[in-house]
Amino acid sequence: MSRRDDPAPSPASPVVGVALPVPEPWGTHLQRLRIGYGEERAAHIPTHITLLPPTPVSGTELDALEEHLQRVAALHGAFEVMLRGTGTFRPVSDVVFVQVAKGVADCERLERAVRDGPVRRPLDFPYHPHVTLAHDLPLPALDRAFRDLGAFSCSYPAAAFRLYMHDGDGVWRTRADYPLAG
């Protein structure tokens, strides 16, 4: 695990998320597209595949979560991720995403292991690894995102997952990286 030198969270309960970051150059490329579709909050959301959705935690829960994440990373090995084409959760949820075409089972195993720790939360929907492109935007923007990235494809090794945190300002900051060492 490697820590980043971010400011300490405010006394209010921080919000954490755990994710597989999408590396460069694709992370920035997809983030810029997401902003371009009209999702301004994406400027503060690094491009990722979610393992634990945004979850409020107390200080003691955060300590226990960090220890748990170290154990999870030690038990899981790196794997290849391929992102290819687009998908959508419509009509259930107004989300358009880049599909995970390779590495789905590895993402599912990691997600289960991360959520099977001291910080548990129910999911609103069954877990489906993906990279969000557009969320809760007008239908024309959702349709454009779906079309624009239909032929998108990239591959990269997923060698670590990341603990992100914000203290209520909506700006996700890296708290720690957990290399997949299993």
N, C-alpha and C. Protein backbone atom coordinates (compact mmCIF):
# COMPACT_ATOMS: atom_id res chain seq x y z
N MET A 1 0.84 -1.17 0.00
CA MET A 1 0.00 0.00 0.00
C MET A 1 0.89 1.23 0.00
N SER A 2 0.51 2.22 -0.77
CA SER A 2 1.24 3.49 -0.75
C SER A 2 0.26 4.61 -0.47
N ARG A 3 0.59 5.46 0.47
CA ARG A 3 -0.28 6.58 0.84
C ARG A 3 0.08 7.81 0.03
N ARG A 4 -0.92 8.65 -0.15
CA ARG A 4 -0.71 9.93 -0.81
C ARG A 4 -0.72 11.02 0.24
N ASP A 5 -0.10 12.14 -0.05
CA ASP A 5 -0.05 13.25 0.89
C ASP A 5 -1.22 14.19 0.66
N ASP A 6 -2.41 13.71 0.95
CA ASP A 6 -3.60 14.53 0.82
C ASP A 6 -3.91 15.15 2.17
N PRO A 7 -4.64 16.27 2.15
CA PRO A 7 -5.04 16.86 3.41
C PRO A 7 -5.92 15.89 4.20
N ALA A 8 -5.86 15.98 5.50
CA ALA A 8 -6.70 15.12 6.33
C ALA A 8 -8.16 15.49 6.13
N PRO A 9 -9.05 14.51 6.25
CA PRO A 9 -10.47 14.82 6.09
C PRO A 9 -10.95 15.72 7.23
N SER A 10 -12.05 16.39 6.98
CA SER A 10 -12.64 17.25 8.00
C SER A 10 -13.21 16.38 9.11
N PRO A 11 -13.58 16.99 10.23
CA PRO A 11 -14.12 16.21 11.33
C PRO A 11 -15.42 15.49 10.97
N ALA A 12 -16.16 15.95 9.97
CA ALA A 12 -17.36 15.26 9.54
C ALA A 12 -16.98 13.90 9.00
N SER A 13 -17.94 12.98 9.00
CA SER A 13 -17.65 11.64 8.48
C SER A 13 -17.22 11.71 7.03
N PRO A 14 -16.05 11.18 6.74
CA PRO A 14 -15.61 11.16 5.34
C PRO A 14 -16.43 10.14 4.55
N VAL A 15 -16.41 10.29 3.26
CA VAL A 15 -17.04 9.34 2.34
C VAL A 15 -15.92 8.66 1.58
N VAL A 16 -15.95 7.34 1.55
CA VAL A 16 -14.93 6.59 0.84
C VAL A 16 -15.53 5.86 -0.35
N GLY A 17 -14.66 5.50 -1.27
CA GLY A 17 -14.99 4.64 -2.39
C GLY A 17 -13.75 3.84 -2.72
N VAL A 18 -13.94 2.63 -3.21
CA VAL A 18 -12.81 1.79 -3.60
C VAL A 18 -13.03 1.45 -5.06
N ALA A 19 -11.96 1.57 -5.86
CA ALA A 19 -12.11 1.38 -7.29
C ALA A 19 -10.79 0.96 -7.94
N LEU A 20 -10.93 0.41 -9.12
CA LEU A 20 -9.78 0.16 -10.00
C LEU A 20 -9.64 1.39 -10.88
N PRO A 21 -8.55 2.15 -10.76
CA PRO A 21 -8.40 3.32 -11.62
C PRO A 21 -8.15 2.91 -13.07
N VAL A 22 -8.65 3.69 -14.00
CA VAL A 22 -8.35 3.49 -15.42
C VAL A 22 -7.11 4.33 -15.72
N PRO A 23 -6.03 3.68 -16.18
CA PRO A 23 -4.76 4.40 -16.35
C PRO A 23 -4.77 5.34 -17.56
N GLU A 24 -3.71 6.12 -17.62
CA GLU A 24 -3.50 7.03 -18.76
C GLU A 24 -3.05 6.22 -19.97
N PRO A 25 -3.39 6.68 -21.14
CA PRO A 25 -4.06 7.94 -21.45
C PRO A 25 -5.58 7.85 -21.40
N TRP A 26 -6.10 6.66 -21.16
CA TRP A 26 -7.55 6.44 -21.27
C TRP A 26 -8.33 7.11 -20.16
N GLY A 27 -7.78 7.15 -18.94
CA GLY A 27 -8.51 7.76 -17.83
C GLY A 27 -8.88 9.20 -18.10
N THR A 28 -7.90 9.99 -18.49
CA THR A 28 -8.15 11.41 -18.78
C THR A 28 -9.05 11.56 -20.01
N HIS A 29 -8.82 10.75 -21.03
CA HIS A 29 -9.64 10.81 -22.24
C HIS A 29 -11.11 10.59 -21.91
N LEU A 30 -11.41 9.54 -21.16
CA LEU A 30 -12.80 9.24 -20.82
C LEU A 30 -13.40 10.28 -19.88
N GLN A 31 -12.58 10.80 -18.97
CA GLN A 31 -13.06 11.84 -18.06
C GLN A 31 -13.43 13.10 -18.84
N ARG A 32 -12.60 13.49 -19.79
CA ARG A 32 -12.91 14.69 -20.60
C ARG A 32 -14.19 14.50 -21.41
N LEU A 33 -14.37 13.29 -21.97
CA LEU A 33 -15.60 13.03 -22.70
C LEU A 33 -16.81 13.15 -21.77
N ARG A 34 -16.70 12.57 -20.58
CA ARG A 34 -17.80 12.61 -19.61
C ARG A 34 -18.16 14.06 -19.27
N ILE A 35 -17.16 14.88 -19.06
CA ILE A 35 -17.41 16.30 -18.79
C ILE A 35 -18.07 16.94 -20.00
N GLY A 36 -17.59 16.59 -21.20
CA GLY A 36 -18.14 17.14 -22.43
C GLY A 36 -19.59 16.77 -22.68
N TYR A 37 -20.04 15.65 -22.14
CA TYR A 37 -21.45 15.27 -22.28
C TYR A 37 -22.33 16.07 -21.33
N GLY A 38 -21.72 16.84 -20.44
CA GLY A 38 -22.49 17.71 -19.56
C GLY A 38 -22.44 17.33 -18.10
N GLU A 39 -21.62 16.38 -17.75
CA GLU A 39 -21.53 15.95 -16.36
C GLU A 39 -20.36 16.66 -15.69
N GLU A 40 -20.60 17.87 -15.24
CA GLU A 40 -19.55 18.72 -14.69
C GLU A 40 -18.89 18.10 -13.46
N ARG A 41 -19.64 17.35 -12.66
CA ARG A 41 -19.06 16.75 -11.45
C ARG A 41 -17.95 15.76 -11.79
N ALA A 42 -17.92 15.28 -13.03
CA ALA A 42 -16.90 14.33 -13.46
C ALA A 42 -15.49 14.93 -13.39
N ALA A 43 -15.38 16.24 -13.33
CA ALA A 43 -14.07 16.88 -13.19
C ALA A 43 -13.41 16.48 -11.88
N HIS A 44 -14.21 16.03 -10.91
CA HIS A 44 -13.70 15.66 -9.59
C HIS A 44 -13.79 14.16 -9.32
N ILE A 45 -14.07 13.40 -10.38
CA ILE A 45 -14.22 11.94 -10.24
C ILE A 45 -13.23 11.27 -11.18
N PRO A 46 -12.15 10.71 -10.65
CA PRO A 46 -11.21 10.00 -11.52
C PRO A 46 -11.92 8.82 -12.22
N THR A 47 -11.52 8.54 -13.44
CA THR A 47 -12.12 7.45 -14.21
C THR A 47 -11.76 6.13 -13.55
N HIS A 48 -12.77 5.27 -13.36
CA HIS A 48 -12.57 4.08 -12.55
C HIS A 48 -13.62 3.00 -12.83
N ILE A 49 -13.35 1.81 -12.28
CA ILE A 49 -14.32 0.73 -12.17
C ILE A 49 -14.58 0.58 -10.68
N THR A 50 -15.79 0.80 -10.25
CA THR A 50 -16.14 0.78 -8.82
C THR A 50 -16.05 -0.61 -8.22
N LEU A 51 -15.48 -0.68 -7.02
CA LEU A 51 -15.50 -1.90 -6.20
C LEU A 51 -16.35 -1.68 -4.95
N LEU A 52 -16.32 -0.50 -4.36
CA LEU A 52 -17.18 -0.11 -3.24
C LEU A 52 -17.71 1.28 -3.56
N PRO A 53 -19.04 1.41 -3.73
CA PRO A 53 -19.60 2.72 -4.04
C PRO A 53 -19.41 3.71 -2.89
N PRO A 54 -19.66 4.99 -3.12
CA PRO A 54 -19.51 6.00 -2.08
C PRO A 54 -20.22 5.57 -0.79
N THR A 55 -19.43 5.58 0.31
CA THR A 55 -19.92 5.07 1.59
C THR A 55 -19.38 5.94 2.72
N PRO A 56 -20.25 6.53 3.55
CA PRO A 56 -19.77 7.28 4.71
C PRO A 56 -19.14 6.33 5.73
N VAL A 57 -18.05 6.78 6.36
CA VAL A 57 -17.37 5.97 7.38
C VAL A 57 -16.96 6.85 8.55
N SER A 58 -16.84 6.21 9.72
CA SER A 58 -16.28 6.89 10.88
C SER A 58 -14.77 6.67 10.88
N GLY A 59 -14.07 7.34 11.76
CA GLY A 59 -12.62 7.18 11.84
C GLY A 59 -12.20 5.75 12.16
N THR A 60 -12.91 5.10 13.09
CA THR A 60 -12.55 3.72 13.42
C THR A 60 -12.88 2.78 12.27
N GLU A 61 -13.97 3.03 11.56
CA GLU A 61 -14.30 2.21 10.39
C GLU A 61 -13.25 2.38 9.30
N LEU A 62 -12.75 3.60 9.13
CA LEU A 62 -11.73 3.86 8.12
C LEU A 62 -10.46 3.07 8.42
N ASP A 63 -10.04 3.07 9.66
CA ASP A 63 -8.85 2.29 10.05
C ASP A 63 -9.05 0.81 9.76
N ALA A 64 -10.21 0.29 10.14
CA ALA A 64 -10.50 -1.14 9.91
C ALA A 64 -10.60 -1.43 8.42
N LEU A 65 -11.18 -0.51 7.66
CA LEU A 65 -11.28 -0.71 6.21
C LEU A 65 -9.89 -0.76 5.58
N GLU A 66 -9.00 0.14 5.98
CA GLU A 66 -7.66 0.15 5.40
C GLU A 66 -6.92 -1.16 5.69
N GLU A 67 -7.06 -1.69 6.89
CA GLU A 67 -6.46 -2.98 7.21
C GLU A 67 -7.07 -4.09 6.37
N HIS A 68 -8.38 -4.06 6.22
CA HIS A 68 -9.08 -5.05 5.40
C HIS A 68 -8.61 -4.99 3.94
N LEU A 69 -8.48 -3.78 3.40
CA LEU A 69 -8.06 -3.64 2.01
C LEU A 69 -6.64 -4.17 1.80
N GLN A 70 -5.77 -4.00 2.78
CA GLN A 70 -4.42 -4.58 2.68
C GLN A 70 -4.51 -6.10 2.55
N ARG A 71 -5.37 -6.72 3.36
CA ARG A 71 -5.53 -8.18 3.29
C ARG A 71 -6.11 -8.62 1.95
N VAL A 72 -7.10 -7.89 1.47
CA VAL A 72 -7.72 -8.23 0.18
C VAL A 72 -6.68 -8.16 -0.93
N ALA A 73 -5.91 -7.09 -0.96
CA ALA A 73 -4.90 -6.92 -2.01
C ALA A 73 -3.86 -8.03 -1.97
N ALA A 74 -3.50 -8.47 -0.77
CA ALA A 74 -2.49 -9.53 -0.63
C ALA A 74 -2.99 -10.87 -1.16
N LEU A 75 -4.30 -11.04 -1.23
CA LEU A 75 -4.88 -12.32 -1.65
C LEU A 75 -5.27 -12.37 -3.12
N HIS A 76 -5.24 -11.24 -3.81
CA HIS A 76 -5.68 -11.18 -5.20
C HIS A 76 -4.53 -10.72 -6.10
N GLY A 77 -4.40 -11.38 -7.23
CA GLY A 77 -3.35 -11.03 -8.16
C GLY A 77 -3.80 -10.03 -9.21
N ALA A 78 -2.82 -9.43 -9.87
CA ALA A 78 -3.10 -8.52 -10.98
C ALA A 78 -3.78 -9.28 -12.11
N PHE A 79 -4.52 -8.56 -12.94
CA PHE A 79 -5.22 -9.19 -14.05
C PHE A 79 -5.38 -8.19 -15.19
N GLU A 80 -5.69 -8.70 -16.34
CA GLU A 80 -5.86 -7.87 -17.54
C GLU A 80 -7.30 -7.37 -17.63
N VAL A 81 -7.45 -6.09 -17.91
CA VAL A 81 -8.75 -5.48 -18.14
C VAL A 81 -8.82 -5.05 -19.60
N MET A 82 -9.92 -5.36 -20.24
CA MET A 82 -10.20 -4.82 -21.57
C MET A 82 -11.52 -4.08 -21.48
N LEU A 83 -11.48 -2.81 -21.87
CA LEU A 83 -12.70 -2.02 -22.00
C LEU A 83 -13.05 -1.98 -23.48
N ARG A 84 -14.32 -2.26 -23.79
CA ARG A 84 -14.70 -2.28 -25.21
C ARG A 84 -16.18 -1.99 -25.37
N GLY A 85 -16.47 -1.00 -26.20
CA GLY A 85 -17.85 -0.69 -26.55
C GLY A 85 -18.62 -0.07 -25.40
N THR A 86 -19.88 0.20 -25.66
CA THR A 86 -20.72 0.86 -24.67
C THR A 86 -21.88 -0.03 -24.27
N GLY A 87 -22.47 0.31 -23.17
CA GLY A 87 -23.67 -0.33 -22.66
C GLY A 87 -24.47 0.72 -21.91
N THR A 88 -25.64 0.33 -21.47
CA THR A 88 -26.50 1.24 -20.73
C THR A 88 -27.34 0.47 -19.73
N PHE A 89 -27.72 1.14 -18.67
CA PHE A 89 -28.64 0.57 -17.69
C PHE A 89 -30.07 1.08 -17.92
N ARG A 90 -30.27 1.86 -18.99
CA ARG A 90 -31.61 2.36 -19.28
C ARG A 90 -32.52 1.18 -19.65
N PRO A 91 -33.75 1.19 -19.28
CA PRO A 91 -34.54 2.27 -18.68
C PRO A 91 -34.52 2.28 -17.15
N VAL A 92 -33.82 1.34 -16.53
CA VAL A 92 -33.80 1.27 -15.07
C VAL A 92 -33.06 2.46 -14.47
N SER A 93 -31.93 2.84 -15.06
CA SER A 93 -31.12 3.94 -14.57
C SER A 93 -30.50 4.65 -15.77
N ASP A 94 -30.52 5.98 -15.75
CA ASP A 94 -29.99 6.77 -16.86
C ASP A 94 -28.47 6.83 -16.81
N VAL A 95 -27.85 5.71 -17.19
CA VAL A 95 -26.40 5.58 -17.18
C VAL A 95 -25.96 4.96 -18.51
N VAL A 96 -24.94 5.54 -19.11
CA VAL A 96 -24.25 4.96 -20.26
C VAL A 96 -22.82 4.72 -19.81
N PHE A 97 -22.25 3.58 -20.21
CA PHE A 97 -20.94 3.19 -19.72
C PHE A 97 -20.13 2.50 -20.80
N VAL A 98 -18.81 2.44 -20.56
CA VAL A 98 -17.92 1.59 -21.35
C VAL A 98 -17.94 0.23 -20.67
N GLN A 99 -18.09 -0.80 -21.47
CA GLN A 99 -18.19 -2.16 -20.94
C GLN A 99 -16.82 -2.73 -20.58
N VAL A 100 -16.79 -3.51 -19.52
CA VAL A 100 -15.63 -4.32 -19.19
C VAL A 100 -15.80 -5.62 -19.97
N ALA A 101 -14.94 -5.82 -20.97
CA ALA A 101 -15.06 -7.00 -21.83
C ALA A 101 -14.15 -8.14 -21.37
N LYS A 102 -13.10 -7.82 -20.63
CA LYS A 102 -12.20 -8.82 -20.07
C LYS A 102 -11.84 -8.39 -18.66
N GLY A 103 -11.86 -9.34 -17.74
CA GLY A 103 -11.57 -9.04 -16.35
C GLY A 103 -12.81 -8.95 -15.49
N VAL A 104 -13.97 -9.31 -16.06
CA VAL A 104 -15.23 -9.20 -15.33
C VAL A 104 -15.21 -10.07 -14.07
N ALA A 105 -14.84 -11.34 -14.22
CA ALA A 105 -14.84 -12.24 -13.06
C ALA A 105 -13.86 -11.77 -11.99
N ASP A 106 -12.70 -11.24 -12.39
CA ASP A 106 -11.74 -10.71 -11.42
C ASP A 106 -12.32 -9.51 -10.69
N CYS A 107 -12.99 -8.63 -11.42
CA CYS A 107 -13.64 -7.47 -10.78
C CYS A 107 -14.70 -7.93 -9.79
N GLU A 108 -15.48 -8.93 -10.18
CA GLU A 108 -16.53 -9.43 -9.30
C GLU A 108 -15.95 -10.03 -8.02
N ARG A 109 -14.86 -10.78 -8.14
CA ARG A 109 -14.22 -11.35 -6.96
C ARG A 109 -13.68 -10.26 -6.04
N LEU A 110 -13.03 -9.26 -6.63
CA LEU A 110 -12.51 -8.15 -5.82
C LEU A 110 -13.63 -7.39 -5.13
N GLU A 111 -14.68 -7.12 -5.86
CA GLU A 111 -15.81 -6.37 -5.29
C GLU A 111 -16.39 -7.11 -4.10
N ARG A 112 -16.60 -8.43 -4.24
CA ARG A 112 -17.14 -9.22 -3.13
C ARG A 112 -16.19 -9.19 -1.93
N ALA A 113 -14.90 -9.33 -2.19
CA ALA A 113 -13.93 -9.33 -1.09
C ALA A 113 -13.87 -7.97 -0.40
N VAL A 114 -13.89 -6.89 -1.16
CA VAL A 114 -13.85 -5.55 -0.58
C VAL A 114 -15.09 -5.30 0.28
N ARG A 115 -16.26 -5.68 -0.23
CA ARG A 115 -17.50 -5.43 0.51
C ARG A 115 -17.72 -6.43 1.65
N ASP A 116 -16.93 -7.49 1.71
CA ASP A 116 -17.07 -8.48 2.78
C ASP A 116 -16.11 -8.14 3.92
N GLY A 117 -16.11 -6.90 4.31
CA GLY A 117 -15.21 -6.43 5.36
C GLY A 117 -15.95 -5.60 6.38
N PRO A 118 -15.22 -4.73 7.05
CA PRO A 118 -15.81 -3.96 8.15
C PRO A 118 -16.79 -2.88 7.68
N VAL A 119 -16.69 -2.47 6.43
CA VAL A 119 -17.60 -1.45 5.89
C VAL A 119 -18.52 -2.16 4.90
N ARG A 120 -19.72 -2.39 5.33
CA ARG A 120 -20.70 -3.09 4.48
C ARG A 120 -21.80 -2.11 4.12
N ARG A 121 -22.28 -2.26 2.91
CA ARG A 121 -23.42 -1.44 2.49
C ARG A 121 -24.18 -2.22 1.45
N PRO A 122 -25.48 -2.07 1.47
CA PRO A 122 -26.27 -2.73 0.42
C PRO A 122 -26.05 -2.00 -0.91
N LEU A 123 -26.19 -2.74 -1.99
CA LEU A 123 -26.10 -2.14 -3.31
C LEU A 123 -27.50 -1.81 -3.81
N ASP A 124 -27.60 -0.72 -4.56
CA ASP A 124 -28.89 -0.36 -5.15
C ASP A 124 -29.26 -1.30 -6.29
N PHE A 125 -28.24 -1.84 -6.95
CA PHE A 125 -28.43 -2.75 -8.09
C PHE A 125 -27.38 -3.85 -7.99
N PRO A 126 -27.60 -5.00 -8.64
CA PRO A 126 -26.55 -6.04 -8.65
C PRO A 126 -25.27 -5.47 -9.26
N TYR A 127 -24.13 -5.94 -8.74
CA TYR A 127 -22.84 -5.44 -9.21
C TYR A 127 -22.61 -5.79 -10.68
N HIS A 128 -22.19 -4.79 -11.44
CA HIS A 128 -21.87 -4.95 -12.86
C HIS A 128 -20.68 -4.04 -13.15
N PRO A 129 -19.47 -4.59 -13.26
CA PRO A 129 -18.30 -3.72 -13.48
C PRO A 129 -18.42 -2.95 -14.79
N HIS A 130 -18.12 -1.65 -14.73
CA HIS A 130 -18.24 -0.78 -15.90
C HIS A 130 -17.50 0.52 -15.61
N VAL A 131 -17.35 1.35 -16.65
CA VAL A 131 -16.77 2.70 -16.51
C VAL A 131 -17.84 3.69 -16.97
N THR A 132 -18.35 4.48 -16.05
CA THR A 132 -19.43 5.41 -16.36
C THR A 132 -18.96 6.49 -17.33
N LEU A 133 -19.82 6.74 -18.35
CA LEU A 133 -19.58 7.82 -19.32
C LEU A 133 -20.55 8.98 -19.14
N ALA A 134 -21.78 8.66 -18.80
CA ALA A 134 -22.82 9.67 -18.65
C ALA A 134 -23.83 9.15 -17.64
N HIS A 135 -24.24 10.03 -16.72
CA HIS A 135 -25.13 9.62 -15.64
C HIS A 135 -26.13 10.73 -15.34
N ASP A 136 -27.42 10.39 -15.40
CA ASP A 136 -28.49 11.34 -15.10
C ASP A 136 -28.40 12.61 -15.95
N LEU A 137 -28.17 12.42 -17.24
CA LEU A 137 -28.12 13.53 -18.18
C LEU A 137 -29.33 13.46 -19.11
N PRO A 138 -29.62 14.52 -19.86
CA PRO A 138 -30.72 14.48 -20.82
C PRO A 138 -30.49 13.35 -21.84
N LEU A 139 -31.58 12.81 -22.35
CA LEU A 139 -31.51 11.67 -23.27
C LEU A 139 -30.60 11.91 -24.47
N PRO A 140 -30.60 13.09 -25.10
CA PRO A 140 -29.68 13.28 -26.24
C PRO A 140 -28.21 13.10 -25.84
N ALA A 141 -27.82 13.54 -24.65
CA ALA A 141 -26.44 13.37 -24.20
C ALA A 141 -26.14 11.90 -23.95
N LEU A 142 -27.09 11.19 -23.35
CA LEU A 142 -26.91 9.74 -23.13
C LEU A 142 -26.76 9.01 -24.46
N ASP A 143 -27.61 9.36 -25.42
CA ASP A 143 -27.55 8.72 -26.74
C ASP A 143 -26.22 9.01 -27.43
N ARG A 144 -25.76 10.25 -27.32
CA ARG A 144 -24.48 10.62 -27.94
C ARG A 144 -23.32 9.85 -27.33
N ALA A 145 -23.29 9.74 -26.01
CA ALA A 145 -22.23 8.99 -25.34
C ALA A 145 -22.25 7.54 -25.79
N PHE A 146 -23.43 6.96 -25.90
CA PHE A 146 -23.57 5.57 -26.32
C PHE A 146 -23.00 5.38 -27.73
N ARG A 147 -23.31 6.30 -28.63
CA ARG A 147 -22.82 6.22 -30.02
C ARG A 147 -21.33 6.50 -30.12
N ASP A 148 -20.88 7.57 -29.46
CA ASP A 148 -19.50 8.03 -29.60
C ASP A 148 -18.47 6.97 -29.21
N LEU A 149 -18.76 6.17 -28.22
CA LEU A 149 -17.77 5.22 -27.69
C LEU A 149 -18.09 3.79 -28.09
N GLY A 150 -18.99 3.61 -29.03
CA GLY A 150 -19.36 2.26 -29.45
C GLY A 150 -18.19 1.44 -29.96
N ALA A 151 -17.19 2.09 -30.56
CA ALA A 151 -16.03 1.37 -31.10
C ALA A 151 -14.80 1.52 -30.20
N PHE A 152 -14.95 2.11 -29.04
CA PHE A 152 -13.82 2.30 -28.13
C PHE A 152 -13.29 0.97 -27.64
N SER A 153 -11.97 0.87 -27.52
CA SER A 153 -11.35 -0.33 -26.97
C SER A 153 -9.98 0.02 -26.41
N CYS A 154 -9.66 -0.54 -25.25
CA CYS A 154 -8.32 -0.43 -24.68
C CYS A 154 -8.11 -1.59 -23.72
N SER A 155 -6.87 -1.93 -23.49
CA SER A 155 -6.51 -2.98 -22.54
C SER A 155 -5.38 -2.48 -21.66
N TYR A 156 -5.37 -2.96 -20.43
CA TYR A 156 -4.32 -2.58 -19.49
C TYR A 156 -4.30 -3.56 -18.33
N PRO A 157 -3.16 -3.68 -17.66
CA PRO A 157 -3.11 -4.52 -16.46
C PRO A 157 -3.70 -3.79 -15.27
N ALA A 158 -4.58 -4.45 -14.54
CA ALA A 158 -5.09 -3.92 -13.28
C ALA A 158 -4.16 -4.47 -12.21
N ALA A 159 -3.25 -3.64 -11.74
CA ALA A 159 -2.21 -4.08 -10.81
C ALA A 159 -2.45 -3.60 -9.38
N ALA A 160 -3.43 -2.72 -9.19
CA ALA A 160 -3.73 -2.18 -7.86
C ALA A 160 -5.14 -1.63 -7.86
N PHE A 161 -5.74 -1.60 -6.68
CA PHE A 161 -6.98 -0.85 -6.53
C PHE A 161 -6.71 0.31 -5.59
N ARG A 162 -7.65 1.23 -5.53
CA ARG A 162 -7.40 2.50 -4.86
C ARG A 162 -8.55 2.83 -3.89
N LEU A 163 -8.17 3.38 -2.75
CA LEU A 163 -9.12 3.93 -1.80
C LEU A 163 -9.20 5.43 -2.05
N TYR A 164 -10.40 5.90 -2.40
CA TYR A 164 -10.65 7.32 -2.61
C TYR A 164 -11.45 7.84 -1.42
N MET A 165 -11.35 9.15 -1.18
CA MET A 165 -12.11 9.74 -0.08
C MET A 165 -12.43 11.19 -0.42
N HIS A 166 -13.59 11.65 0.05
CA HIS A 166 -13.88 13.08 0.06
C HIS A 166 -14.55 13.42 1.38
N ASP A 167 -14.45 14.67 1.75
CA ASP A 167 -14.97 15.10 3.05
C ASP A 167 -16.20 15.97 2.91
N GLY A 168 -17.01 15.68 1.89
CA GLY A 168 -18.25 16.42 1.69
C GLY A 168 -18.18 17.42 0.56
N ASP A 169 -16.99 17.67 0.02
CA ASP A 169 -16.88 18.64 -1.07
C ASP A 169 -17.06 18.02 -2.45
N GLY A 170 -17.20 16.68 -2.51
CA GLY A 170 -17.41 16.01 -3.79
C GLY A 170 -16.15 15.82 -4.61
N VAL A 171 -15.00 16.24 -4.09
CA VAL A 171 -13.73 16.07 -4.80
C VAL A 171 -13.08 14.79 -4.28
N TRP A 172 -13.02 13.77 -5.14
CA TRP A 172 -12.45 12.48 -4.75
C TRP A 172 -10.93 12.56 -4.78
N ARG A 173 -10.31 12.26 -3.64
CA ARG A 173 -8.86 12.28 -3.51
C ARG A 173 -8.36 10.88 -3.20
N THR A 174 -7.20 10.55 -3.72
CA THR A 174 -6.60 9.24 -3.44
C THR A 174 -6.13 9.22 -2.00
N ARG A 175 -6.58 8.22 -1.27
CA ARG A 175 -6.12 8.00 0.11
C ARG A 175 -4.97 7.00 0.12
N ALA A 176 -5.11 5.89 -0.66
CA ALA A 176 -4.06 4.87 -0.69
C ALA A 176 -4.26 3.98 -1.90
N ASP A 177 -3.16 3.43 -2.38
CA ASP A 177 -3.18 2.40 -3.42
C ASP A 177 -2.85 1.07 -2.78
N TYR A 178 -3.47 0.02 -3.28
CA TYR A 178 -3.26 -1.34 -2.75
C TYR A 178 -2.84 -2.25 -3.90
N PRO A 179 -1.53 -2.50 -4.04
CA PRO A 179 -1.06 -3.38 -5.12
C PRO A 179 -1.62 -4.80 -4.97
N LEU A 180 -2.07 -5.35 -6.07
CA LEU A 180 -2.59 -6.72 -6.09
C LEU A 180 -1.41 -7.66 -6.09
N ALA A 181 -1.17 -8.31 -4.97
CA ALA A 181 0.07 -9.07 -4.79
C ALA A 181 -0.16 -10.59 -4.69
N GLY A 182 -1.41 -11.04 -4.73
CA GLY A 182 -1.71 -12.46 -4.51
C GLY A 182 -1.27 -13.35 -5.64
